[in-house]
N, C-alpha and C. Protein backbone atom coordinates (compact mmCIF):
# COMPACT_ATOMS: atom_id res chain seq x y z
N MET A 1 3.94 5.02 -16.60
CA MET A 1 4.13 6.16 -16.22
C MET A 1 2.91 6.88 -16.63
N ASN A 2 2.07 7.70 -16.26
CA ASN A 2 0.93 8.22 -16.67
C ASN A 2 1.72 9.42 -17.64
N GLN A 3 1.49 9.72 -18.98
CA GLN A 3 1.84 10.42 -20.07
C GLN A 3 1.79 11.89 -19.70
N ILE A 4 1.01 12.53 -19.06
CA ILE A 4 0.88 13.88 -18.85
C ILE A 4 2.27 14.20 -17.48
N PHE A 5 2.01 13.31 -16.55
CA PHE A 5 3.19 12.96 -15.76
C PHE A 5 4.40 13.20 -15.99
N TYR A 6 4.71 12.72 -16.86
CA TYR A 6 6.23 12.34 -17.48
C TYR A 6 6.31 13.50 -18.61
N ASN A 7 5.63 14.11 -19.12
CA ASN A 7 5.34 15.08 -20.09
C ASN A 7 5.49 16.52 -19.15
N ALA A 8 5.31 16.45 -18.02
CA ALA A 8 5.50 17.50 -17.24
C ALA A 8 6.46 17.55 -16.63
N ILE A 9 7.07 16.83 -16.08
CA ILE A 9 8.66 16.82 -15.86
C ILE A 9 9.77 17.01 -17.12
N MET A 10 9.82 15.95 -18.32
CA MET A 10 10.22 16.16 -19.19
C MET A 10 10.41 18.23 -20.28
N GLU A 11 9.15 18.68 -19.84
CA GLU A 11 8.59 19.91 -20.65
C GLU A 11 9.79 20.85 -19.33
N ASN A 12 9.41 20.94 -17.76
CA ASN A 12 10.66 21.38 -17.33
C ASN A 12 11.06 20.34 -15.97
N PRO A 13 12.18 19.81 -15.95
CA PRO A 13 13.27 18.90 -15.12
C PRO A 13 13.36 19.49 -13.81
N VAL A 14 13.13 20.74 -13.48
CA VAL A 14 13.09 21.15 -12.65
C VAL A 14 12.30 21.16 -11.52
N ILE A 15 12.71 20.20 -10.74
CA ILE A 15 11.28 19.95 -9.21
C ILE A 15 11.53 20.83 -8.14
N ALA A 16 10.47 21.99 -8.06
CA ALA A 16 10.29 22.62 -6.45
C ALA A 16 10.20 21.65 -5.86
N ALA A 17 11.01 21.53 -4.57
CA ALA A 17 10.63 20.94 -3.31
C ALA A 17 10.21 21.85 -2.58
N VAL A 18 9.31 21.61 -1.67
CA VAL A 18 8.58 22.78 -0.91
C VAL A 18 8.86 22.30 0.74
N LYS A 19 9.38 22.96 1.88
CA LYS A 19 9.37 22.40 3.12
C LYS A 19 9.14 23.76 3.90
N ASP A 20 8.76 24.26 3.46
CA ASP A 20 8.19 25.68 4.05
C ASP A 20 6.71 26.43 3.48
N GLU A 21 6.04 27.28 4.08
CA GLU A 21 5.04 28.24 3.84
C GLU A 21 5.84 29.03 2.47
N ASP A 22 7.17 29.37 2.99
CA ASP A 22 7.97 30.55 1.73
C ASP A 22 8.35 29.42 0.76
N GLY A 23 8.06 28.56 0.78
CA GLY A 23 8.68 27.52 -0.48
C GLY A 23 7.44 27.61 -1.47
N VAL A 24 6.06 27.38 -0.46
CA VAL A 24 4.75 26.81 -1.13
C VAL A 24 4.41 28.47 -2.07
N LEU A 25 4.53 29.71 -1.47
CA LEU A 25 5.13 30.91 -2.22
C LEU A 25 5.05 31.09 -3.06
N ASN A 26 6.78 31.04 -3.27
CA ASN A 26 7.68 31.36 -4.28
C ASN A 26 7.41 30.05 -5.52
N CYS A 27 7.24 28.97 -4.73
CA CYS A 27 7.01 27.94 -6.22
C CYS A 27 5.80 28.47 -6.95
N MET A 28 4.43 28.63 -6.41
CA MET A 28 3.71 29.11 -6.91
C MET A 28 3.71 30.22 -7.99
N GLN A 29 4.94 31.30 -8.15
CA GLN A 29 4.88 32.20 -9.29
C GLN A 29 5.76 31.82 -9.98
N LYS A 30 6.38 30.84 -9.80
CA LYS A 30 7.31 29.96 -10.75
C LYS A 30 7.04 28.81 -12.16
N ASP A 31 7.69 28.99 -13.24
CA ASP A 31 7.27 28.35 -14.31
C ASP A 31 7.62 26.80 -13.89
N ILE A 32 7.22 26.24 -13.07
CA ILE A 32 7.64 24.99 -12.58
C ILE A 32 6.87 24.21 -12.58
N ASN A 33 6.71 23.27 -13.25
CA ASN A 33 5.66 22.04 -13.19
C ASN A 33 5.15 20.73 -11.95
N VAL A 34 6.13 20.88 -11.46
CA VAL A 34 5.60 19.72 -10.65
C VAL A 34 6.59 20.24 -9.18
N VAL A 35 5.59 19.85 -7.91
CA VAL A 35 6.21 20.33 -6.67
C VAL A 35 6.07 18.95 -5.76
N PHE A 36 7.45 18.63 -4.98
CA PHE A 36 7.31 18.08 -4.03
C PHE A 36 6.71 18.78 -2.90
N VAL A 37 6.02 17.84 -2.18
CA VAL A 37 5.45 19.34 -0.77
C VAL A 37 6.37 18.15 0.25
N LEU A 38 7.65 18.57 1.11
CA LEU A 38 8.05 17.75 2.14
C LEU A 38 7.98 17.99 3.74
N PHE A 39 6.42 18.66 4.14
CA PHE A 39 6.03 19.36 5.00
C PHE A 39 4.86 19.52 5.22
N GLY A 40 4.19 19.30 6.01
CA GLY A 40 3.04 19.56 6.63
C GLY A 40 2.19 18.68 7.65
N GLU A 41 1.48 19.33 8.03
CA GLU A 41 0.12 18.14 9.23
C GLU A 41 -0.91 17.75 8.33
N LEU A 42 -1.58 16.98 9.05
CA LEU A 42 -3.06 16.29 8.87
C LEU A 42 -4.22 17.28 8.40
N THR A 43 -3.88 18.18 9.55
CA THR A 43 -4.81 19.26 9.38
C THR A 43 -4.20 20.51 8.57
N THR A 44 -3.46 20.79 7.78
CA THR A 44 -3.03 21.66 6.74
C THR A 44 -2.65 20.97 5.41
N ILE A 45 -2.62 19.36 5.03
CA ILE A 45 -2.12 19.56 3.85
C ILE A 45 -3.22 19.85 2.90
N SER A 46 -4.30 19.23 3.10
CA SER A 46 -5.28 19.86 2.04
C SER A 46 -5.23 20.75 1.70
N ASP A 47 -5.35 22.04 2.60
CA ASP A 47 -5.12 23.56 2.02
C ASP A 47 -3.70 23.63 1.52
N ILE A 48 -2.96 23.01 1.98
CA ILE A 48 -1.19 23.45 0.96
C ILE A 48 -1.20 22.40 -0.42
N VAL A 49 -1.88 21.87 -0.67
CA VAL A 49 -2.15 21.27 -2.01
C VAL A 49 -3.16 21.82 -2.85
N ASP A 50 -4.74 22.27 -2.35
CA ASP A 50 -5.44 22.87 -2.83
C ASP A 50 -4.48 24.40 -3.49
N ARG A 51 -3.69 24.95 -2.80
CA ARG A 51 -3.26 25.79 -3.00
C ARG A 51 -2.31 26.13 -4.56
N LEU A 52 -2.00 25.25 -4.23
CA LEU A 52 -0.42 24.18 -5.32
C LEU A 52 -1.22 23.82 -6.56
N LYS A 53 -2.25 23.40 -6.60
CA LYS A 53 -3.08 22.94 -7.76
C LYS A 53 -3.94 24.48 -8.25
N SER A 54 -4.90 24.88 -7.26
CA SER A 54 -5.00 26.09 -7.80
C SER A 54 -4.45 27.21 -9.10
N ALA A 55 -2.98 26.93 -8.59
CA ALA A 55 -1.27 27.44 -9.36
C ALA A 55 -1.34 26.53 -10.85
N GLY A 56 -1.87 25.78 -10.45
CA GLY A 56 -1.17 24.92 -12.33
C GLY A 56 -0.42 23.53 -11.74
N LYS A 57 0.05 23.10 -10.63
CA LYS A 57 0.73 22.24 -10.51
C LYS A 57 0.36 21.04 -10.26
N ILE A 58 1.38 19.73 -10.71
CA ILE A 58 1.14 18.50 -10.34
C ILE A 58 1.51 18.09 -8.93
N VAL A 59 0.77 18.17 -7.76
CA VAL A 59 1.33 18.64 -6.65
C VAL A 59 1.62 16.57 -6.01
N ILE A 60 3.11 15.88 -5.66
CA ILE A 60 3.23 14.80 -5.08
C ILE A 60 3.93 15.41 -3.32
N VAL A 61 2.82 14.68 -2.43
CA VAL A 61 3.04 14.88 -1.55
C VAL A 61 4.42 13.74 -0.61
N HIS A 62 5.06 14.15 -0.20
CA HIS A 62 6.11 13.29 0.56
C HIS A 62 5.28 12.41 2.07
N LEU A 63 4.98 11.61 1.70
CA LEU A 63 4.05 10.55 2.96
C LEU A 63 4.75 10.31 4.16
N ASP A 64 5.91 10.62 4.20
CA ASP A 64 6.52 10.12 5.08
C ASP A 64 7.01 11.18 6.27
N LEU A 65 6.89 12.32 5.73
CA LEU A 65 7.22 13.67 6.15
C LEU A 65 5.72 14.44 6.78
N ILE A 66 5.04 13.95 6.39
CA ILE A 66 3.36 14.61 6.89
C ILE A 66 2.95 14.36 8.29
N GLY A 67 3.27 15.29 9.26
CA GLY A 67 2.95 15.39 10.63
C GLY A 67 1.78 14.63 11.08
N GLY A 68 1.71 13.69 11.77
CA GLY A 68 -0.20 12.91 12.14
C GLY A 68 -0.61 12.05 11.29
N LEU A 69 0.31 11.93 10.39
CA LEU A 69 0.06 10.68 9.22
C LEU A 69 1.50 9.29 10.09
N ALA A 70 1.49 8.34 9.96
CA ALA A 70 1.51 7.30 10.02
C ALA A 70 1.80 6.56 8.95
N VAL A 71 3.47 5.87 8.17
CA VAL A 71 3.09 5.60 7.14
C VAL A 71 2.53 4.06 7.23
N ARG A 72 1.30 4.31 7.03
CA ARG A 72 0.66 3.44 6.54
C ARG A 72 -0.56 3.33 5.31
N GLU A 73 -0.88 2.44 5.33
CA GLU A 73 -2.24 2.55 4.18
C GLU A 73 -2.94 3.27 4.25
N GLU A 74 -3.82 3.21 5.84
CA GLU A 74 -4.79 4.59 5.62
C GLU A 74 -4.45 5.83 5.55
N SER A 75 -3.07 6.03 5.24
CA SER A 75 -2.41 7.54 5.06
C SER A 75 -2.35 7.73 3.62
N VAL A 76 -1.99 6.73 3.27
CA VAL A 76 -2.43 6.59 1.31
C VAL A 76 -3.76 6.94 0.97
N ARG A 77 -4.64 6.51 1.78
CA ARG A 77 -6.23 6.51 1.51
C ARG A 77 -6.46 8.01 1.96
N PHE A 78 -5.94 8.83 2.64
CA PHE A 78 -6.32 10.17 3.36
C PHE A 78 -6.16 10.91 2.51
N ILE A 79 -4.46 10.34 1.47
CA ILE A 79 -4.09 11.29 1.09
C ILE A 79 -5.37 11.43 -0.28
N LYS A 80 -5.11 9.95 -0.89
CA LYS A 80 -5.91 9.63 -2.24
C LYS A 80 -7.51 10.64 -1.47
N GLN A 81 -8.17 10.45 -1.01
CA GLN A 81 -9.40 10.82 -0.43
C GLN A 81 -9.83 12.03 -0.14
N TYR A 82 -8.90 12.76 0.52
CA TYR A 82 -8.83 13.81 1.34
C TYR A 82 -8.42 14.90 0.56
N THR A 83 -7.22 15.08 -0.50
CA THR A 83 -6.77 16.10 -0.35
C THR A 83 -6.99 16.01 -2.42
N LYS A 84 -6.39 16.49 -3.03
CA LYS A 84 -6.14 16.70 -4.42
C LYS A 84 -4.56 16.36 -4.93
N ALA A 85 -4.08 15.92 -4.19
CA ALA A 85 -2.61 15.56 -4.40
C ALA A 85 -2.56 14.77 -5.93
N ASP A 86 -1.94 14.67 -6.42
CA ASP A 86 -1.29 13.70 -7.67
C ASP A 86 -1.11 12.39 -7.76
N GLY A 87 0.34 12.30 -6.12
CA GLY A 87 0.82 11.26 -5.78
C GLY A 87 1.49 11.32 -4.73
N ILE A 88 2.19 10.51 -4.40
CA ILE A 88 3.17 10.47 -2.72
C ILE A 88 4.60 10.32 -3.52
N ILE A 89 5.48 10.51 -2.23
CA ILE A 89 6.69 9.89 -2.23
C ILE A 89 6.85 8.62 -1.17
N SER A 90 7.93 8.12 -0.71
CA SER A 90 8.05 7.58 0.50
C SER A 90 9.21 6.50 -0.37
N THR A 91 9.85 6.16 1.67
CA THR A 91 10.77 5.64 1.27
C THR A 91 10.43 4.07 1.70
N LYS A 92 9.20 3.92 1.83
CA LYS A 92 8.26 2.25 1.80
C LYS A 92 8.12 1.90 0.60
N PRO A 93 8.69 0.76 0.24
CA PRO A 93 7.90 0.24 -0.73
C PRO A 93 6.55 -0.36 -0.70
N ASP A 94 5.90 -0.60 0.19
CA ASP A 94 4.57 -1.22 0.54
C ASP A 94 3.66 0.28 0.52
N MET A 95 4.60 1.22 0.50
CA MET A 95 3.43 2.16 0.34
C MET A 95 3.31 2.78 -0.90
N ILE A 96 4.24 2.38 -1.51
CA ILE A 96 4.53 3.05 -3.10
C ILE A 96 3.09 2.32 -3.82
N LYS A 97 3.76 0.77 -3.44
CA LYS A 97 2.72 -0.19 -4.43
C LYS A 97 1.29 0.02 -4.16
N TYR A 98 0.88 0.08 -2.59
CA TYR A 98 -0.77 0.41 -2.38
C TYR A 98 -0.87 1.93 -3.68
N ALA A 99 -0.16 2.95 -3.27
CA ALA A 99 -0.38 4.01 -3.73
C ALA A 99 -0.89 3.54 -5.44
N LYS A 100 -0.01 3.13 -5.45
CA LYS A 100 0.06 2.82 -7.19
C LYS A 100 -1.39 1.88 -7.48
N GLU A 101 -1.81 1.17 -6.56
CA GLU A 101 -3.33 0.25 -7.17
C GLU A 101 -4.15 1.41 -7.02
N LEU A 102 -4.18 2.81 -5.94
CA LEU A 102 -4.99 3.59 -6.04
C LEU A 102 -5.26 4.46 -6.77
N GLY A 103 -4.27 4.51 -7.46
CA GLY A 103 -3.74 5.73 -8.89
C GLY A 103 -3.09 6.70 -8.57
N LEU A 104 -2.38 6.45 -7.65
CA LEU A 104 -1.75 8.07 -7.87
C LEU A 104 -0.43 7.91 -8.51
N TYR A 105 0.04 8.55 -8.45
CA TYR A 105 1.52 8.77 -9.21
C TYR A 105 2.45 8.16 -8.09
N THR A 106 3.25 7.65 -8.62
CA THR A 106 4.70 6.94 -6.98
C THR A 106 6.22 7.50 -7.26
N ILE A 107 6.60 7.76 -6.59
CA ILE A 107 7.98 8.44 -6.33
C ILE A 107 8.68 7.19 -5.04
N PHE A 108 9.42 6.35 -5.15
CA PHE A 108 10.31 5.65 -3.83
C PHE A 108 11.48 6.44 -3.86
N ARG A 109 11.63 6.96 -2.93
CA ARG A 109 12.74 7.85 -2.10
C ARG A 109 13.61 6.87 -1.86
N ILE A 110 15.13 6.97 -2.75
CA ILE A 110 16.22 6.12 -1.48
C ILE A 110 17.73 7.07 -1.27
N PHE A 111 17.90 6.86 -0.48
CA PHE A 111 19.19 7.56 -0.06
C PHE A 111 20.48 6.08 0.03
N VAL A 112 21.32 7.02 -1.19
CA VAL A 112 22.34 6.11 -1.34
C VAL A 112 23.93 6.50 -0.79
N ILE A 113 23.38 6.25 0.65
CA ILE A 113 24.74 6.27 1.75
C ILE A 113 26.17 5.40 1.57
N ASP A 114 26.30 4.44 0.85
CA ASP A 114 27.46 3.80 0.70
C ASP A 114 26.86 2.77 0.40
N SER A 115 28.28 1.89 -0.31
CA SER A 115 28.04 1.10 -1.24
C SER A 115 26.81 -0.57 -1.22
N LYS A 116 26.51 -0.50 0.58
CA LYS A 116 25.61 -1.60 1.08
C LYS A 116 24.40 -1.25 0.55
N ALA A 117 24.49 0.21 0.86
CA ALA A 117 23.10 0.75 0.62
C ALA A 117 22.65 0.80 -1.15
N PHE A 118 23.12 0.78 -1.72
CA PHE A 118 23.13 0.82 -3.17
C PHE A 118 23.19 -1.01 -3.66
N ASN A 119 23.77 -1.83 -3.02
CA ASN A 119 23.42 -3.06 -3.26
C ASN A 119 22.55 -4.05 -2.59
N ALA A 120 22.34 -3.35 -1.42
CA ALA A 120 20.22 -3.61 -1.30
C ALA A 120 19.30 -3.42 -2.24
N ILE A 121 19.36 -2.28 -2.75
CA ILE A 121 18.36 -1.47 -3.38
C ILE A 121 17.80 -2.87 -4.52
N SER A 122 16.17 -3.39 -3.82
CA SER A 122 16.30 -5.25 -4.51
C SER A 122 15.25 -4.30 -6.18
N HIS A 123 15.41 -4.80 -6.83
CA HIS A 123 14.30 -4.20 -8.38
C HIS A 123 13.01 -4.79 -7.91
N HIS A 124 13.03 -5.27 -6.85
CA HIS A 124 11.50 -5.83 -6.77
C HIS A 124 10.69 -4.02 -5.65
N ALA A 125 11.23 -3.82 -5.00
CA ALA A 125 11.18 -2.73 -4.11
C ALA A 125 11.23 -1.58 -5.01
N ILE A 126 11.33 -1.01 -6.32
CA ILE A 126 11.32 -0.39 -7.17
C ILE A 126 10.61 -0.64 -8.01
N SER A 127 10.36 -1.25 -8.64
CA SER A 127 9.44 -1.70 -10.10
C SER A 127 8.28 -1.06 -9.75
N SER A 128 7.30 -0.97 -8.55
CA SER A 128 5.90 -0.84 -9.02
C SER A 128 6.23 1.03 -8.73
N ALA A 129 7.57 1.89 -8.64
CA ALA A 129 7.08 3.57 -8.68
C ALA A 129 7.12 3.53 -10.30
N ASP A 130 6.72 4.94 -10.42
CA ASP A 130 6.90 5.96 -11.39
C ASP A 130 7.93 6.07 -11.76
N LEU A 131 8.73 6.45 -10.20
CA LEU A 131 9.65 7.33 -10.24
C LEU A 131 10.92 7.03 -9.54
N ILE A 132 11.59 6.77 -9.62
CA ILE A 132 13.19 6.71 -8.07
C ILE A 132 13.63 8.60 -8.16
N GLU A 133 13.51 8.63 -7.23
CA GLU A 133 14.56 9.51 -6.56
C GLU A 133 15.29 9.12 -5.72
N ILE A 134 16.60 9.92 -6.31
CA ILE A 134 17.74 9.21 -5.64
C ILE A 134 18.08 10.27 -4.75
N LEU A 135 18.93 9.94 -3.40
CA LEU A 135 19.79 11.14 -2.67
C LEU A 135 21.34 10.89 -1.91
N PRO A 136 21.90 11.31 -2.08
CA PRO A 136 21.98 12.81 -2.42
C PRO A 136 22.10 12.55 -4.18
N GLY A 137 21.72 13.50 -4.52
CA GLY A 137 21.28 13.70 -6.01
C GLY A 137 23.20 14.54 -6.74
N ILE A 138 24.11 14.95 -6.01
CA ILE A 138 25.33 14.98 -6.54
C ILE A 138 26.23 13.97 -7.02
N MET A 139 25.53 13.01 -7.20
CA MET A 139 26.46 11.50 -7.33
C MET A 139 26.18 11.58 -9.09
N PRO A 140 27.02 11.71 -9.61
CA PRO A 140 26.64 11.36 -11.16
C PRO A 140 26.74 10.00 -11.65
N ARG A 141 27.91 9.24 -10.88
CA ARG A 141 28.37 7.74 -11.69
C ARG A 141 27.23 6.69 -10.62
N ILE A 142 26.71 7.47 -9.70
CA ILE A 142 25.75 6.11 -9.03
C ILE A 142 24.34 6.40 -9.85
N ILE A 143 23.98 7.98 -10.09
CA ILE A 143 22.51 7.74 -10.77
C ILE A 143 23.20 7.05 -12.85
N GLN A 144 24.10 7.32 -13.07
CA GLN A 144 24.64 6.56 -14.20
C GLN A 144 24.10 4.84 -13.96
N LYS A 145 24.84 4.78 -12.60
CA LYS A 145 25.16 3.21 -12.04
C LYS A 145 23.52 2.24 -12.24
N PHE A 146 22.83 3.51 -11.60
CA PHE A 146 21.39 2.76 -11.12
C PHE A 146 20.47 3.39 -12.29
N SER A 147 20.88 4.28 -13.66
CA SER A 147 19.83 3.84 -14.76
C SER A 147 20.36 2.79 -15.38
N GLN A 148 21.25 2.63 -15.63
CA GLN A 148 21.79 1.08 -16.09
C GLN A 148 21.32 -0.05 -15.25
N LYS A 149 20.61 0.30 -14.08
CA LYS A 149 20.20 -1.25 -13.14
C LYS A 149 18.71 -1.21 -13.01
N THR A 150 18.28 -0.17 -13.98
CA THR A 150 16.37 -0.09 -13.87
C THR A 150 15.65 0.23 -14.51
N HIS A 151 14.32 0.06 -14.82
CA HIS A 151 14.11 0.80 -16.04
C HIS A 151 12.87 2.08 -15.88
N VAL A 152 12.99 1.91 -14.77
CA VAL A 152 12.28 2.88 -13.71
C VAL A 152 13.26 4.11 -13.98
N PRO A 153 12.67 5.59 -14.59
CA PRO A 153 12.96 7.03 -14.45
C PRO A 153 13.73 7.31 -12.90
N ILE A 154 14.60 8.12 -13.11
CA ILE A 154 15.27 8.65 -12.12
C ILE A 154 15.33 10.25 -11.73
N ILE A 155 15.37 10.49 -10.44
CA ILE A 155 15.10 11.85 -10.18
C ILE A 155 15.98 12.19 -9.35
N ALA A 156 17.43 12.72 -9.99
CA ALA A 156 18.08 12.99 -8.55
C ALA A 156 17.91 14.42 -7.50
N GLY A 157 18.02 14.29 -6.13
CA GLY A 157 17.46 15.28 -5.05
C GLY A 157 18.58 15.34 -3.82
N GLY A 158 18.79 16.41 -3.72
CA GLY A 158 19.42 16.52 -2.21
C GLY A 158 20.33 16.75 -2.57
N LEU A 159 21.07 17.88 -1.74
CA LEU A 159 22.21 18.68 -2.31
C LEU A 159 23.06 19.32 -3.96
N ILE A 160 21.29 19.98 -4.38
CA ILE A 160 21.55 20.58 -6.04
C ILE A 160 21.63 21.79 -5.35
N SER A 161 22.77 22.28 -5.49
CA SER A 161 22.37 23.76 -5.38
C SER A 161 23.25 24.74 -6.37
N GLU A 162 24.07 24.01 -7.84
CA GLU A 162 24.84 24.75 -8.71
C GLU A 162 24.15 24.17 -9.82
N LYS A 163 24.15 24.65 -10.88
CA LYS A 163 24.02 24.63 -12.32
C LYS A 163 24.60 23.47 -12.67
N GLU A 164 25.76 23.33 -12.16
CA GLU A 164 26.67 22.42 -12.74
C GLU A 164 26.06 21.15 -12.23
N ASP A 165 25.58 20.98 -10.75
CA ASP A 165 25.10 20.05 -10.44
C ASP A 165 23.75 19.17 -11.38
N VAL A 166 23.18 20.00 -11.85
CA VAL A 166 21.26 20.08 -12.49
C VAL A 166 22.62 19.39 -13.72
N ILE A 167 23.11 19.75 -14.50
CA ILE A 167 23.82 19.15 -15.82
C ILE A 167 23.98 17.92 -15.36
N ASN A 168 24.79 18.38 -14.78
CA ASN A 168 25.69 16.52 -14.26
C ASN A 168 25.04 15.22 -13.85
N ALA A 169 23.66 15.84 -13.10
CA ALA A 169 22.62 15.07 -13.17
C ALA A 169 21.63 14.55 -14.18
N LEU A 170 22.00 15.74 -15.30
CA LEU A 170 20.60 15.00 -15.68
C LEU A 170 21.81 14.32 -16.95
N ASP A 171 23.17 14.63 -17.21
CA ASP A 171 23.77 13.73 -18.11
C ASP A 171 24.31 12.75 -17.83
N ALA A 172 24.24 12.31 -16.51
CA ALA A 172 24.43 10.81 -15.96
C ALA A 172 23.28 10.10 -15.59
N GLY A 173 22.13 10.44 -16.57
CA GLY A 173 21.12 9.83 -16.61
C GLY A 173 19.60 9.90 -16.31
N ALA A 174 19.74 10.68 -15.06
CA ALA A 174 18.47 11.68 -14.55
C ALA A 174 17.54 12.38 -15.52
N ILE A 175 16.17 12.41 -15.69
CA ILE A 175 15.28 12.53 -15.73
C ILE A 175 15.09 14.00 -15.23
N ALA A 176 14.89 14.55 -14.21
CA ALA A 176 15.05 15.33 -14.02
C ALA A 176 15.56 15.57 -12.73
N ILE A 177 15.86 17.12 -11.90
CA ILE A 177 15.97 16.77 -10.71
C ILE A 177 14.91 17.50 -9.47
N SER A 178 15.34 18.04 -8.43
CA SER A 178 14.55 17.92 -7.03
C SER A 178 15.00 18.49 -6.21
N SER A 179 14.65 19.77 -5.85
CA SER A 179 15.55 21.02 -5.00
C SER A 179 14.92 21.80 -3.69
N THR A 180 15.32 21.77 -2.60
CA THR A 180 14.50 22.78 -2.01
C THR A 180 15.20 24.10 -1.93
N ASN A 181 16.25 24.39 -2.52
CA ASN A 181 17.07 25.32 -2.73
C ASN A 181 16.25 26.11 -4.14
N GLN A 182 15.71 27.71 -3.77
CA GLN A 182 14.85 28.37 -4.39
C GLN A 182 15.69 28.64 -5.39
N GLN A 183 16.93 29.14 -5.54
CA GLN A 183 17.79 29.37 -6.58
C GLN A 183 18.12 28.22 -7.74
N VAL A 184 17.98 27.26 -7.70
CA VAL A 184 18.02 26.11 -8.17
C VAL A 184 16.78 25.89 -9.30
N TRP A 185 15.43 26.71 -8.63
CA TRP A 185 14.38 26.48 -9.37
C TRP A 185 13.99 28.06 -10.65
N ASN A 186 15.28 28.40 -10.93
CA ASN A 186 15.78 29.70 -11.68
C ASN A 186 16.29 28.72 -12.82
N MET A 187 17.17 27.94 -12.89
CA MET A 187 17.97 27.06 -13.77
C MET A 187 17.34 26.44 -14.84
């Protein structure tokens, strides 16, 4: 993983995940280093990224959630060529691998809904990612098991709403948490 990216996360392990324009405006005013963009369309994503970059943020676009972009290599190239985004998030291992080849930061998002999902996650699928984001992030034992299973650093995301959730995730081995809950951004 790029040292600048890693240092930015370690300096402030709370990542703002923005899901609307209000989130963009609010996180621009916060002392947050990294922002996950979880909304937008083909026609708006470049502007969203530009505004966040002008506020000094490292911007990671959730490729799977951008309207008008199919989860295909062309979409990764679009993000690389037509936005100033620093990286992508995706649930698709092929997109992570391709984005990494293009020099983007990569976050592989995993939904751990049961033991079958946990056991089905292959080392090969996650090995090319810079980070893994585990959802929901309020499962310290799962975070701990995952951190023992892989060398890839972990972000805990989803359903984190209390300071205790943040502390438990970090104590379990996550290097950061991501949240759309703007109150968590102030913790």
